[in-house]
Amino acid sequence: QLQFVESGGALVQPGGSLRLSCAASTFRIIAYSIGWFRQAPGQEREGIALISVPGTDTNYADSVKGRFTISRDNAKNTVNLEMNNLRPEDTGTYYCAAFELYSDIRSNWYKTNGHYWGQGTQVTVTS
């Protein structure tokens, strides 16, 4: 099936850290910019991080800038999201998707034009 598999979500206390992974086994990510998104219950999907094809350019939503880091390993066909200093408002289901375009992840365009959306991985930040 042509979709990403996200993993690494967990229950964590505020101030903690997690590393999420996004893996593709049935297609190659080398042709795409990759974005991470999250969605909390009752809220819209939010684009939070985007990385260019070679991995040299990244951008982030203001809500995670300085705390989250996106990276990719094209040889391993994976994209990671390192999350530090987690807050309760970071709670949600996290997804990744592929795009032909690298621009600003805060654009609404990214919410509806991604490819290979996975099932997501749950992150819960609570004390």
PDB file of N, CA and C in Angstrom:
ATOM      1  N   GLN A   1       0.853  -1.181   0.000  1.00  0.00           N
ATOM      2  CA  GLN A   1       0.000   0.000   0.000  1.00  0.00           C
ATOM      3  C   GLN A   1       0.893   1.237   0.000  1.00  0.00           C
ATOM      4  N   LEU A   2       0.506   2.218  -0.775  1.00  0.00           N
ATOM      5  CA  LEU A   2       1.328   3.406  -0.927  1.00  0.00           C
ATOM      6  C   LEU A   2       0.993   4.410   0.164  1.00  0.00           C
ATOM      7  N   GLN A   3       1.602   4.241   1.318  1.00  0.00           N
ATOM      8  CA  GLN A   3       1.431   5.196   2.388  1.00  0.00           C
ATOM      9  C   GLN A   3       2.617   5.108   3.338  1.00  0.00           C
ATOM     10  N   PHE A   4       2.823   6.195   4.080  1.00  0.00           N
ATOM     11  CA  PHE A   4       3.847   6.214   5.111  1.00  0.00           C
ATOM     12  C   PHE A   4       3.374   5.415   6.321  1.00  0.00           C
ATOM     13  N   VAL A   5       4.338   4.954   7.098  1.00  0.00           N
ATOM     14  CA  VAL A   5       4.062   4.350   8.397  1.00  0.00           C
ATOM     15  C   VAL A   5       4.753   5.210   9.448  1.00  0.00           C
ATOM     16  N   GLU A   6       3.944   5.842  10.281  1.00  0.00           N
ATOM     17  CA  GLU A   6       4.476   6.677  11.340  1.00  0.00           C
ATOM     18  C   GLU A   6       4.604   5.856  12.616  1.00  0.00           C
ATOM     19  N   SER A   7       5.619   6.162  13.413  1.00  0.00           N
ATOM     20  CA  SER A   7       5.838   5.438  14.672  1.00  0.00           C
ATOM     21  C   SER A   7       6.559   6.346  15.663  1.00  0.00           C
ATOM     22  N   GLY A   8       6.600   5.900  16.911  1.00  0.00           N
ATOM     23  CA  GLY A   8       7.342   6.605  17.945  1.00  0.00           C
ATOM     24  C   GLY A   8       6.485   7.389  18.912  1.00  0.00           C
ATOM     25  N   GLY A   9       5.188   7.453  18.659  1.00  0.00           N
ATOM     26  CA  GLY A   9       4.330   8.180  19.565  1.00  0.00           C
ATOM     27  C   GLY A   9       4.222   7.479  20.916  1.00  0.00           C
ATOM     28  N   ALA A  10       3.960   8.276  21.957  1.00  0.00           N
ATOM     29  CA  ALA A  10       3.885   7.722  23.303  1.00  0.00           C
ATOM     30  C   ALA A  10       3.225   8.721  24.239  1.00  0.00           C
ATOM     31  N   LEU A  11       3.039   8.273  25.468  1.00  0.00           N
ATOM     32  CA  LEU A  11       2.586   9.136  26.562  1.00  0.00           C
ATOM     33  C   LEU A  11       3.834   9.689  27.238  1.00  0.00           C
ATOM     34  N   VAL A  12       3.906  11.006  27.369  1.00  0.00           N
ATOM     35  CA  VAL A  12       5.102  11.629  27.929  1.00  0.00           C
ATOM     36  C   VAL A  12       4.704  12.803  28.804  1.00  0.00           C
ATOM     37  N   GLN A  13       5.542  13.100  29.782  1.00  0.00           N
ATOM     38  CA  GLN A  13       5.275  14.220  30.669  1.00  0.00           C
ATOM     39  C   GLN A  13       5.706  15.546  30.036  1.00  0.00           C
ATOM     40  N   PRO A  14       5.098  16.638  30.447  1.00  0.00           N
ATOM     41  CA  PRO A  14       5.552  17.948  29.950  1.00  0.00           C
ATOM     42  C   PRO A  14       7.038  18.142  30.189  1.00  0.00           C
ATOM     43  N   GLY A  15       7.700  18.710  29.199  1.00  0.00           N
ATOM     44  CA  GLY A  15       9.142  18.880  29.272  1.00  0.00           C
ATOM     45  C   GLY A  15       9.921  17.720  28.709  1.00  0.00           C
ATOM     46  N   GLY A  16       9.234  16.633  28.410  1.00  0.00           N
ATOM     47  CA  GLY A  16       9.903  15.448  27.883  1.00  0.00           C
ATOM     48  C   GLY A  16      10.184  15.541  26.398  1.00  0.00           C
ATOM     49  N   SER A  17      10.753  14.461  25.873  1.00  0.00           N
ATOM     50  CA  SER A  17      11.144  14.407  24.461  1.00  0.00           C
ATOM     51  C   SER A  17      10.663  13.120  23.817  1.00  0.00           C
ATOM     52  N   LEU A  18      10.451  13.190  22.520  1.00  0.00           N
ATOM     53  CA  LEU A  18      10.116  12.018  21.715  1.00  0.00           C
ATOM     54  C   LEU A  18      10.768  12.161  20.350  1.00  0.00           C
ATOM     55  N   ARG A  19      10.977  11.014  19.714  1.00  0.00           N
ATOM     56  CA  ARG A  19      11.463  11.002  18.345  1.00  0.00           C
ATOM     57  C   ARG A  19      10.482  10.194  17.515  1.00  0.00           C
ATOM     58  N   LEU A  20       9.837  10.849  16.575  1.00  0.00           N
ATOM     59  CA  LEU A  20       8.898  10.182  15.675  1.00  0.00           C
ATOM     60  C   LEU A  20       9.616   9.816  14.377  1.00  0.00           C
ATOM     61  N   SER A  21       9.180   8.716  13.792  1.00  0.00           N
ATOM     62  CA  SER A  21       9.713   8.294  12.502  1.00  0.00           C
ATOM     63  C   SER A  21       8.592   8.096  11.509  1.00  0.00           C
ATOM     64  N   CYS A  22       8.927   8.330  10.270  1.00  0.00           N
ATOM     65  CA  CYS A  22       7.993   8.210   9.162  1.00  0.00           C
ATOM     66  C   CYS A  22       8.724   7.389   8.096  1.00  0.00           C
ATOM     67  N   ALA A  23       8.244   6.185   7.843  1.00  0.00           N
ATOM     68  CA  ALA A  23       8.952   5.272   6.944  1.00  0.00           C
ATOM     69  C   ALA A  23       8.101   4.929   5.734  1.00  0.00           C
ATOM     70  N   ALA A  24       8.779   4.783   4.608  1.00  0.00           N
ATOM     71  CA  ALA A  24       8.112   4.364   3.375  1.00  0.00           C
ATOM     72  C   ALA A  24       8.764   3.084   2.882  1.00  0.00           C
ATOM     73  N   SER A  25       7.965   2.092   2.546  1.00  0.00           N
ATOM     74  CA  SER A  25       8.533   0.828   2.084  1.00  0.00           C
ATOM     75  C   SER A  25       8.136   0.496   0.651  1.00  0.00           C
ATOM     76  N   THR A  26       7.104   1.153   0.136  1.00  0.00           N
ATOM     77  CA  THR A  26       6.609   0.810  -1.193  1.00  0.00           C
ATOM     78  C   THR A  26       6.849   1.901  -2.221  1.00  0.00           C
ATOM     79  N   PHE A  27       7.532   2.973  -1.834  1.00  0.00           N
ATOM     80  CA  PHE A  27       7.895   4.030  -2.761  1.00  0.00           C
ATOM     81  C   PHE A  27       9.129   4.740  -2.216  1.00  0.00           C
ATOM     82  N   ARG A  28       9.769   5.524  -3.046  1.00  0.00           N
ATOM     83  CA  ARG A  28      10.973   6.235  -2.647  1.00  0.00           C
ATOM     84  C   ARG A  28      10.626   7.676  -2.306  1.00  0.00           C
ATOM     85  N   ILE A  29      11.178   8.165  -1.195  1.00  0.00           N
ATOM     86  CA  ILE A  29      10.871   9.541  -0.767  1.00  0.00           C
ATOM     87  C   ILE A  29      11.782  10.555  -1.432  1.00  0.00           C
ATOM     88  N   ILE A  30      12.782  10.108  -2.170  1.00  0.00           N
ATOM     89  CA  ILE A  30      13.816  10.998  -2.690  1.00  0.00           C
ATOM     90  C   ILE A  30      13.257  12.083  -3.594  1.00  0.00           C
ATOM     91  N   ALA A  31      12.093  11.845  -4.185  1.00  0.00           N
ATOM     92  CA  ALA A  31      11.538  12.821  -5.118  1.00  0.00           C
ATOM     93  C   ALA A  31      10.686  13.884  -4.444  1.00  0.00           C
ATOM     94  N   TYR A  32      10.513  13.795  -3.131  1.00  0.00           N
ATOM     95  CA  TYR A  32       9.520  14.616  -2.460  1.00  0.00           C
ATOM     96  C   TYR A  32      10.071  15.423  -1.291  1.00  0.00           C
ATOM     97  N   SER A  33       9.485  16.590  -1.113  1.00  0.00           N
ATOM     98  CA  SER A  33       9.581  17.243   0.187  1.00  0.00           C
ATOM     99  C   SER A  33       8.621  16.509   1.124  1.00  0.00           C
ATOM    100  N   ILE A  34       8.977  16.429   2.387  1.00  0.00           N
ATOM    101  CA  ILE A  34       8.168  15.687   3.347  1.00  0.00           C
ATOM    102  C   ILE A  34       7.748  16.604   4.481  1.00  0.00           C
ATOM    103  N   GLY A  35       6.476  16.517   4.823  1.00  0.00           N
ATOM    104  CA  GLY A  35       5.954  17.343   5.907  1.00  0.00           C
ATOM    105  C   GLY A  35       5.400  16.504   7.041  1.00  0.00           C
ATOM    106  N   TRP A  36       5.510  17.037   8.255  1.00  0.00           N
ATOM    107  CA  TRP A  36       4.854  16.458   9.429  1.00  0.00           C
ATOM    108  C   TRP A  36       3.661  17.334   9.798  1.00  0.00           C
ATOM    109  N   PHE A  37       2.591  16.662  10.204  1.00  0.00           N
ATOM    110  CA  PHE A  37       1.356  17.327  10.578  1.00  0.00           C
ATOM    111  C   PHE A  37       0.868  16.741  11.892  1.00  0.00           C
ATOM    112  N   ARG A  38      -0.022  17.453  12.535  1.00  0.00           N
ATOM    113  CA  ARG A  38      -0.659  16.899  13.709  1.00  0.00           C
ATOM    114  C   ARG A  38      -2.106  17.361  13.747  1.00  0.00           C
ATOM    115  N   GLN A  39      -2.899  16.555  14.436  1.00  0.00           N
ATOM    116  CA  GLN A  39      -4.310  16.888  14.581  1.00  0.00           C
ATOM    117  C   GLN A  39      -4.770  16.473  15.962  1.00  0.00           C
ATOM    118  N   ALA A  40      -5.290  17.417  16.708  1.00  0.00           N
ATOM    119  CA  ALA A  40      -5.873  17.145  18.018  1.00  0.00           C
ATOM    120  C   ALA A  40      -7.371  16.951  17.846  1.00  0.00           C
ATOM    121  N   PRO A  41      -8.015  16.221  18.756  1.00  0.00           N
ATOM    122  CA  PRO A  41      -9.457  16.001  18.643  1.00  0.00           C
ATOM    123  C   PRO A  41     -10.221  17.315  18.544  1.00  0.00           C
ATOM    124  N   GLY A  42     -11.102  17.390  17.553  1.00  0.00           N
ATOM    125  CA  GLY A  42     -11.921  18.574  17.390  1.00  0.00           C
ATOM    126  C   GLY A  42     -11.226  19.755  16.754  1.00  0.00           C
ATOM    127  N   GLN A  43      -9.978  19.556  16.339  1.00  0.00           N
ATOM    128  CA  GLN A  43      -9.220  20.652  15.739  1.00  0.00           C
ATOM    129  C   GLN A  43      -8.809  20.298  14.315  1.00  0.00           C
ATOM    130  N   GLU A  44      -8.476  21.328  13.553  1.00  0.00           N
ATOM    131  CA  GLU A  44      -8.012  21.122  12.188  1.00  0.00           C
ATOM    132  C   GLU A  44      -6.599  20.552  12.178  1.00  0.00           C
ATOM    133  N   ARG A  45      -6.284  19.875  11.099  1.00  0.00           N
ATOM    134  CA  ARG A  45      -4.920  19.404  10.890  1.00  0.00           C
ATOM    135  C   ARG A  45      -3.996  20.609  10.774  1.00  0.00           C
ATOM    136  N   GLU A  46      -2.836  20.509  11.404  1.00  0.00           N
ATOM    137  CA  GLU A  46      -1.858  21.609  11.425  1.00  0.00           C
ATOM    138  C   GLU A  46      -0.541  21.117  10.837  1.00  0.00           C
ATOM    139  N   GLY A  47      -0.025  21.839   9.868  1.00  0.00           N
ATOM    140  CA  GLY A  47       1.306  21.532   9.343  1.00  0.00           C
ATOM    141  C   GLY A  47       2.338  22.091  10.290  1.00  0.00           C
ATOM    142  N   ILE A  48       3.319  21.264  10.711  1.00  0.00           N
ATOM    143  CA  ILE A  48       4.260  21.729  11.712  1.00  0.00           C
ATOM    144  C   ILE A  48       5.709  21.737  11.245  1.00  0.00           C
ATOM    145  N   ALA A  49       6.068  20.940  10.261  1.00  0.00           N
ATOM    146  CA  ALA A  49       7.462  20.917   9.819  1.00  0.00           C
ATOM    147  C   ALA A  49       7.537  20.419   8.387  1.00  0.00           C
ATOM    148  N   LEU A  50       8.483  20.961   7.639  1.00  0.00           N
ATOM    149  CA  LEU A  50       8.671  20.574   6.241  1.00  0.00           C
ATOM    150  C   LEU A  50      10.154  20.526   5.935  1.00  0.00           C
ATOM    151  N   ILE A  51      10.556  19.513   5.156  1.00  0.00           N
ATOM    152  CA  ILE A  51      11.966  19.384   4.787  1.00  0.00           C
ATOM    153  C   ILE A  51      12.070  19.190   3.285  1.00  0.00           C
ATOM    154  N   SER A  52      13.049  19.825   2.691  1.00  0.00           N
ATOM    155  CA  SER A  52      13.230  19.756   1.243  1.00  0.00           C
ATOM    156  C   SER A  52      13.820  18.400   0.835  1.00  0.00           C
ATOM    157  N   VAL A  53      13.839  18.149  -0.456  1.00  0.00           N
ATOM    158  CA  VAL A  53      14.312  16.859  -0.972  1.00  0.00           C
ATOM    159  C   VAL A  53      15.721  16.514  -0.488  1.00  0.00           C
ATOM    160  N   PRO A  54      16.703  17.419  -0.636  1.00  0.00           N
ATOM    161  CA  PRO A  54      18.045  17.054  -0.159  1.00  0.00           C
ATOM    162  C   PRO A  54      18.220  17.184   1.337  1.00  0.00           C
ATOM    163  N   GLY A  55      17.238  17.771   2.019  1.00  0.00           N
ATOM    164  CA  GLY A  55      17.328  17.942   3.465  1.00  0.00           C
ATOM    165  C   GLY A  55      18.037  19.195   3.902  1.00  0.00           C
ATOM    166  N   THR A  56      18.350  20.085   2.964  1.00  0.00           N
ATOM    167  CA  THR A  56      19.107  21.297   3.296  1.00  0.00           C
ATOM    168  C   THR A  56      18.237  22.443   3.775  1.00  0.00           C
ATOM    169  N   ASP A  57      16.953  22.355   3.492  1.00  0.00           N
ATOM    170  CA  ASP A  57      16.031  23.427   3.892  1.00  0.00           C
ATOM    171  C   ASP A  57      14.898  22.859   4.714  1.00  0.00           C
ATOM    172  N   THR A  58      14.553  23.576   5.780  1.00  0.00           N
ATOM    173  CA  THR A  58      13.447  23.182   6.639  1.00  0.00           C
ATOM    174  C   THR A  58      12.673  24.431   7.061  1.00  0.00           C
ATOM    175  N   ASN A  59      11.430  24.247   7.381  1.00  0.00           N
ATOM    176  CA  ASN A  59      10.691  25.321   8.036  1.00  0.00           C
ATOM    177  C   ASN A  59       9.635  24.727   8.947  1.00  0.00           C
ATOM    178  N   TYR A  60       9.193  25.529   9.908  1.00  0.00           N
ATOM    179  CA  TYR A  60       8.354  25.048  11.000  1.00  0.00           C
ATOM    180  C   TYR A  60       7.203  26.005  11.296  1.00  0.00           C
ATOM    181  N   ALA A  61       6.156  25.447  11.858  1.00  0.00           N
ATOM    182  CA  ALA A  61       5.093  26.271  12.411  1.00  0.00           C
ATOM    183  C   ALA A  61       5.641  27.005  13.630  1.00  0.00           C
ATOM    184  N   ASP A  62       5.093  28.175  13.884  1.00  0.00           N
ATOM    185  CA  ASP A  62       5.562  28.969  15.017  1.00  0.00           C
ATOM    186  C   ASP A  62       5.392  28.212  16.332  1.00  0.00           C
ATOM    187  N   SER A  63       4.382  27.358  16.398  1.00  0.00           N
ATOM    188  CA  SER A  63       4.063  26.647  17.635  1.00  0.00           C
ATOM    189  C   SER A  63       5.135  25.635  18.037  1.00  0.00           C
ATOM    190  N   VAL A  64       5.978  25.224  17.087  1.00  0.00           N
ATOM    191  CA  VAL A  64       6.996  24.211  17.408  1.00  0.00           C
ATOM    192  C   VAL A  64       8.417  24.680  17.138  1.00  0.00           C
ATOM    193  N   LYS A  65       8.563  25.858  16.554  1.00  0.00           N
ATOM    194  CA  LYS A  65       9.890  26.362  16.188  1.00  0.00           C
ATOM    195  C   LYS A  65      10.785  26.453  17.414  1.00  0.00           C
ATOM    196  N   GLY A  66      11.994  25.939  17.286  1.00  0.00           N
ATOM    197  CA  GLY A  66      12.944  25.942  18.384  1.00  0.00           C
ATOM    198  C   GLY A  66      12.848  24.731  19.288  1.00  0.00           C
ATOM    199  N   ARG A  67      11.785  23.948  19.161  1.00  0.00           N
ATOM    200  CA  ARG A  67      11.610  22.748  19.990  1.00  0.00           C
ATOM    201  C   ARG A  67      11.654  21.470  19.166  1.00  0.00           C
ATOM    202  N   PHE A  68      11.172  21.525  17.928  1.00  0.00           N
ATOM    203  CA  PHE A  68      11.110  20.351  17.058  1.00  0.00           C
ATOM    204  C   PHE A  68      12.141  20.476  15.942  1.00  0.00           C
ATOM    205  N   THR A  69      12.681  19.325  15.529  1.00  0.00           N
ATOM    206  CA  THR A  69      13.640  19.288  14.428  1.00  0.00           C
ATOM    207  C   THR A  69      13.276  18.162  13.478  1.00  0.00           C
ATOM    208  N   ILE A  70      13.110  18.505  12.210  1.00  0.00           N
ATOM    209  CA  ILE A  70      12.820  17.509  11.187  1.00  0.00           C
ATOM    210  C   ILE A  70      14.116  17.152  10.465  1.00  0.00           C
ATOM    211  N   SER A  71      14.268  15.873  10.142  1.00  0.00           N
ATOM    212  CA  SER A  71      15.443  15.417   9.411  1.00  0.00           C
ATOM    213  C   SER A  71      15.038  14.264   8.508  1.00  0.00           C
ATOM    214  N   ARG A  72      15.892  13.932   7.553  1.00  0.00           N
ATOM    215  CA  ARG A  72      15.566  12.826   6.653  1.00  0.00           C
ATOM    216  C   ARG A  72      16.826  12.040   6.312  1.00  0.00           C
ATOM    217  N   ASP A  73      16.595  10.774   6.009  1.00  0.00           N
ATOM    218  CA  ASP A  73      17.658   9.892   5.541  1.00  0.00           C
ATOM    219  C   ASP A  73      17.136   9.250   4.266  1.00  0.00           C
ATOM    220  N   ASN A  74      17.506   9.813   3.133  1.00  0.00           N
ATOM    221  CA  ASN A  74      16.974   9.318   1.865  1.00  0.00           C
ATOM    222  C   ASN A  74      17.425   7.891   1.570  1.00  0.00           C
ATOM    223  N   ALA A  75      18.590   7.521   2.043  1.00  0.00           N
ATOM    224  CA  ALA A  75      19.070   6.157   1.817  1.00  0.00           C
ATOM    225  C   ALA A  75      18.211   5.145   2.576  1.00  0.00           C
ATOM    226  N   LYS A  76      17.769   5.537   3.768  1.00  0.00           N
ATOM    227  CA  LYS A  76      16.926   4.648   4.577  1.00  0.00           C
ATOM    228  C   LYS A  76      15.446   4.881   4.318  1.00  0.00           C
ATOM    229  N   ASN A  77      15.151   5.882   3.470  1.00  0.00           N
ATOM    230  CA  ASN A  77      13.755   6.152   3.106  1.00  0.00           C
ATOM    231  C   ASN A  77      12.896   6.545   4.305  1.00  0.00           C
ATOM    232  N   THR A  78      13.482   7.311   5.206  1.00  0.00           N
ATOM    233  CA  THR A  78      12.768   7.703   6.413  1.00  0.00           C
ATOM    234  C   THR A  78      12.920   9.204   6.685  1.00  0.00           C
ATOM    235  N   VAL A  79      11.949   9.715   7.406  1.00  0.00           N
ATOM    236  CA  VAL A  79      11.978  11.089   7.883  1.00  0.00           C
ATOM    237  C   VAL A  79      11.674  11.057   9.378  1.00  0.00           C
ATOM    238  N   ASN A  80      12.408  11.827  10.143  1.00  0.00           N
ATOM    239  CA  ASN A  80      12.240  11.838  11.595  1.00  0.00           C
ATOM    240  C   ASN A  80      11.812  13.207  12.090  1.00  0.00           C
ATOM    241  N   LEU A  81      11.196  13.213  13.257  1.00  0.00           N
ATOM    242  CA  LEU A  81      10.824  14.452  13.918  1.00  0.00           C
ATOM    243  C   LEU A  81      11.258  14.337  15.369  1.00  0.00           C
ATOM    244  N   GLU A  82      12.275  15.101  15.727  1.00  0.00           N
ATOM    245  CA  GLU A  82      12.764  15.145  17.099  1.00  0.00           C
ATOM    246  C   GLU A  82      11.980  16.225  17.824  1.00  0.00           C
ATOM    247  N   MET A  83      11.329  15.841  18.928  1.00  0.00           N
ATOM    248  CA  MET A  83      10.476  16.770  19.660  1.00  0.00           C
ATOM    249  C   MET A  83      10.996  16.927  21.079  1.00  0.00           C
ATOM    250  N   ASN A  84      11.335  18.126  21.448  1.00  0.00           N
ATOM    251  CA  ASN A  84      11.848  18.425  22.776  1.00  0.00           C
ATOM    252  C   ASN A  84      10.954  19.416  23.505  1.00  0.00           C
ATOM    253  N   ASN A  85      11.113  19.448  24.830  1.00  0.00           N
ATOM    254  CA  ASN A  85      10.344  20.387  25.663  1.00  0.00           C
ATOM    255  C   ASN A  85       8.853  20.303  25.326  1.00  0.00           C
ATOM    256  N   LEU A  86       8.334  19.100  25.323  1.00  0.00           N
ATOM    257  CA  LEU A  86       6.944  18.892  24.934  1.00  0.00           C
ATOM    258  C   LEU A  86       5.978  19.538  25.911  1.00  0.00           C
ATOM    259  N   ARG A  87       4.862  20.002  25.363  1.00  0.00           N
ATOM    260  CA  ARG A  87       3.826  20.699  26.129  1.00  0.00           C
ATOM    261  C   ARG A  87       2.504  19.963  25.954  1.00  0.00           C
ATOM    262  N   PRO A  88       1.580  20.131  26.878  1.00  0.00           N
ATOM    263  CA  PRO A  88       0.271  19.480  26.722  1.00  0.00           C
ATOM    264  C   PRO A  88      -0.400  19.826  25.393  1.00  0.00           C
ATOM    265  N   GLU A  89      -0.196  21.021  24.891  1.00  0.00           N
ATOM    266  CA  GLU A  89      -0.811  21.409  23.612  1.00  0.00           C
ATOM    267  C   GLU A  89      -0.186  20.726  22.404  1.00  0.00           C
ATOM    268  N   ASP A  90       0.876  19.964  22.618  1.00  0.00           N
ATOM    269  CA  ASP A  90       1.453  19.162  21.529  1.00  0.00           C
ATOM    270  C   ASP A  90       0.721  17.831  21.359  1.00  0.00           C
ATOM    271  N   THR A  91      -0.209  17.552  22.237  1.00  0.00           N
ATOM    272  CA  THR A  91      -0.969  16.308  22.155  1.00  0.00           C
ATOM    273  C   THR A  91      -1.743  16.233  20.854  1.00  0.00           C
ATOM    274  N   GLY A  92      -1.700  15.060  20.229  1.00  0.00           N
ATOM    275  CA  GLY A  92      -2.440  14.850  18.996  1.00  0.00           C
ATOM    276  C   GLY A  92      -1.924  13.651  18.238  1.00  0.00           C
ATOM    277  N   THR A  93      -2.528  13.401  17.096  1.00  0.00           N
ATOM    278  CA  THR A  93      -2.057  12.349  16.206  1.00  0.00           C
ATOM    279  C   THR A  93      -1.158  12.994  15.164  1.00  0.00           C
ATOM    280  N   TYR A  94       0.008  12.411  14.983  1.00  0.00           N
ATOM    281  CA  TYR A  94       1.016  12.985  14.101  1.00  0.00           C
ATOM    282  C   TYR A  94       1.117  12.156  12.815  1.00  0.00           C
ATOM    283  N   TYR A  95       1.149  12.856  11.701  1.00  0.00           N
ATOM    284  CA  TYR A  95       1.175  12.244  10.377  1.00  0.00           C
ATOM    285  C   TYR A  95       2.294  12.841   9.524  1.00  0.00           C
ATOM    286  N   CYS A  96       2.700  12.103   8.510  1.00  0.00           N
ATOM    287  CA  CYS A  96       3.590  12.694   7.518  1.00  0.00           C
ATOM    288  C   CYS A  96       2.992  12.494   6.122  1.00  0.00           C
ATOM    289  N   ALA A  97       3.459  13.304   5.197  1.00  0.00           N
ATOM    290  CA  ALA A  97       2.967  13.259   3.829  1.00  0.00           C
ATOM    291  C   ALA A  97       4.040  13.806   2.895  1.00  0.00           C
ATOM    292  N   ALA A  98       3.916  13.464   1.624  1.00  0.00           N
ATOM    293  CA  ALA A  98       4.898  13.852   0.619  1.00  0.00           C
ATOM    294  C   ALA A  98       4.337  14.917  -0.314  1.00  0.00           C
ATOM    295  N   PHE A  99       5.227  15.800  -0.772  1.00  0.00           N
ATOM    296  CA  PHE A  99       4.808  16.911  -1.627  1.00  0.00           C
ATOM    297  C   PHE A  99       5.829  17.136  -2.733  1.00  0.00           C
ATOM    298  N   GLU A 100       5.338  17.553  -3.889  1.00  0.00           N
ATOM    299  CA  GLU A 100       6.247  17.925  -4.972  1.00  0.00           C
ATOM    300  C   GLU A 100       6.830  19.319  -4.772  1.00  0.00           C
ATOM    301  N   LEU A 101       6.229  20.096  -3.884  1.00  0.00           N
ATOM    302  CA  LEU A 101       6.593  21.496  -3.711  1.00  0.00           C
ATOM    303  C   LEU A 101       7.206  21.719  -2.337  1.00  0.00           C
ATOM    304  N   TYR A 102       8.301  22.499  -2.292  1.00  0.00           N
ATOM    305  CA  TYR A 102       8.831  22.955  -1.010  1.00  0.00           C
ATOM    306  C   TYR A 102       8.544  24.439  -0.877  1.00  0.00           C
ATOM    307  N   SER A 103       7.767  24.785   0.165  1.00  0.00           N
ATOM    308  CA  SER A 103       7.472  26.195   0.410  1.00  0.00           C
ATOM    309  C   SER A 103       7.283  26.377   1.912  1.00  0.00           C
ATOM    310  N   ASP A 104       6.201  27.006   2.339  1.00  0.00           N
ATOM    311  CA  ASP A 104       5.957  27.303   3.747  1.00  0.00           C
ATOM    312  C   ASP A 104       4.904  26.353   4.302  1.00  0.00           C
ATOM    313  N   ILE A 105       5.289  25.535   5.274  1.00  0.00           N
ATOM    314  CA  ILE A 105       4.382  24.518   5.821  1.00  0.00           C
ATOM    315  C   ILE A 105       3.134  25.156   6.442  1.00  0.00           C
ATOM    316  N   ARG A 106       3.213  26.432   6.767  1.00  0.00           N
ATOM    317  CA  ARG A 106       2.060  27.092   7.364  1.00  0.00           C
ATOM    318  C   ARG A 106       0.951  27.362   6.347  1.00  0.00           C
ATOM    319  N   SER A 107       1.248  27.210   5.077  1.00  0.00           N
ATOM    320  CA  SER A 107       0.240  27.412   4.043  1.00  0.00           C
ATOM    321  C   SER A 107      -0.831  26.342   4.108  1.00  0.00           C
ATOM    322  N   ASN A 108      -2.080  26.747   3.945  1.00  0.00           N
ATOM    323  CA  ASN A 108      -3.196  25.795   3.963  1.00  0.00           C
ATOM    324  C   ASN A 108      -3.093  24.781   2.830  1.00  0.00           C
ATOM    325  N   TRP A 109      -2.373  25.137   1.797  1.00  0.00           N
ATOM    326  CA  TRP A 109      -2.214  24.234   0.650  1.00  0.00           C
ATOM    327  C   TRP A 109      -1.687  22.871   1.083  1.00  0.00           C
ATOM    328  N   TYR A 110      -0.805  22.872   2.042  1.00  0.00           N
ATOM    329  CA  TYR A 110      -0.175  21.626   2.452  1.00  0.00           C
ATOM    330  C   TYR A 110      -1.135  20.684   3.163  1.00  0.00           C
ATOM    331  N   LYS A 111      -2.212  21.205   3.726  1.00  0.00           N
ATOM    332  CA  LYS A 111      -3.137  20.357   4.476  1.00  0.00           C
ATOM    333  C   LYS A 111      -3.902  19.396   3.568  1.00  0.00           C
ATOM    334  N   THR A 112      -4.048  19.748   2.297  1.00  0.00           N
ATOM    335  CA  THR A 112      -4.924  18.971   1.413  1.00  0.00           C
ATOM    336  C   THR A 112      -4.250  18.450   0.151  1.00  0.00           C
ATOM    337  N   ASN A 113      -2.956  18.689  -0.011  1.00  0.00           N
ATOM    338  CA  ASN A 113      -2.304  18.295  -1.256  1.00  0.00           C
ATOM    339  C   ASN A 113      -1.151  17.316  -1.058  1.00  0.00           C
ATOM    340  N   GLY A 114      -1.159  16.638   0.063  1.00  0.00           N
ATOM    341  CA  GLY A 114      -0.109  15.667   0.326  1.00  0.00           C
ATOM    342  C   GLY A 114      -0.411  14.305  -0.260  1.00  0.00           C
ATOM    343  N   HIS A 115       0.661  13.519  -0.410  1.00  0.00           N
ATOM    344  CA  HIS A 115       0.534  12.143  -0.904  1.00  0.00           C
ATOM    345  C   HIS A 115       0.967  11.174   0.199  1.00  0.00           C
ATOM    346  N   TYR A 116       0.406   9.966   0.109  1.00  0.00           N
ATOM    347  CA  TYR A 116       0.851   8.854   0.947  1.00  0.00           C
ATOM    348  C   TYR A 116       0.631   9.078   2.438  1.00  0.00           C
ATOM    349  N   TRP A 117      -0.429   9.745   2.800  1.00  0.00           N
ATOM    350  CA  TRP A 117      -0.741   9.948   4.217  1.00  0.00           C
ATOM    351  C   TRP A 117      -0.817   8.586   4.910  1.00  0.00           C
ATOM    352  N   GLY A 118      -0.206   8.513   6.106  1.00  0.00           N
ATOM    353  CA  GLY A 118      -0.264   7.282   6.884  1.00  0.00           C
ATOM    354  C   GLY A 118      -1.397   7.311   7.891  1.00  0.00           C
ATOM    355  N   GLN A 119      -1.393   6.332   8.785  1.00  0.00           N
ATOM    356  CA  GLN A 119      -2.423   6.221   9.824  1.00  0.00           C
ATOM    357  C   GLN A 119      -2.123   7.079  11.042  1.00  0.00           C
ATOM    358  N   GLY A 120      -0.900   7.556  11.133  1.00  0.00           N
ATOM    359  CA  GLY A 120      -0.548   8.442  12.226  1.00  0.00           C
ATOM    360  C   GLY A 120      -0.033   7.705  13.452  1.00  0.00           C
ATOM    361  N   THR A 121       0.586   8.482  14.346  1.00  0.00           N
ATOM    362  CA  THR A 121       1.058   7.958  15.623  1.00  0.00           C
ATOM    363  C   THR A 121       0.645   8.938  16.710  1.00  0.00           C
ATOM    364  N   GLN A 122       0.166   8.403  17.835  1.00  0.00           N
ATOM    365  CA  GLN A 122      -0.428   9.237  18.880  1.00  0.00           C
ATOM    366  C   GLN A 122       0.638   9.734  19.853  1.00  0.00           C
ATOM    367  N   VAL A 123       0.594  11.033  20.094  1.00  0.00           N
ATOM    368  CA  VAL A 123       1.452  11.663  21.101  1.00  0.00           C
ATOM    369  C   VAL A 123       0.544  12.286  22.153  1.00  0.00           C
ATOM    370  N   THR A 124       0.779  11.920  23.399  1.00  0.00           N
ATOM    371  CA  THR A 124       0.002  12.471  24.501  1.00  0.00           C
ATOM    372  C   THR A 124       0.963  13.048  25.521  1.00  0.00           C
ATOM    373  N   VAL A 125       0.799  14.333  25.791  1.00  0.00           N
ATOM    374  CA  VAL A 125       1.667  15.020  26.754  1.00  0.00           C
ATOM    375  C   VAL A 125       0.809  15.410  27.951  1.00  0.00           C
ATOM    376  N   THR A 126       1.069  14.757  29.074  1.00  0.00           N
ATOM    377  CA  THR A 126       0.280  15.010  30.262  1.00  0.00           C
ATOM    378  C   THR A 126       1.067  14.635  31.503  1.00  0.00           C
ATOM    379  N   SER A 127       0.757  15.314  32.597  1.00  0.00           N
ATOM    380  CA  SER A 127       1.416  14.978  33.859  1.00  0.00           C
ATOM    381  C   SER A 127       0.552  14.007  34.660  1.00  0.00           C
TER     382      SER A 127
END
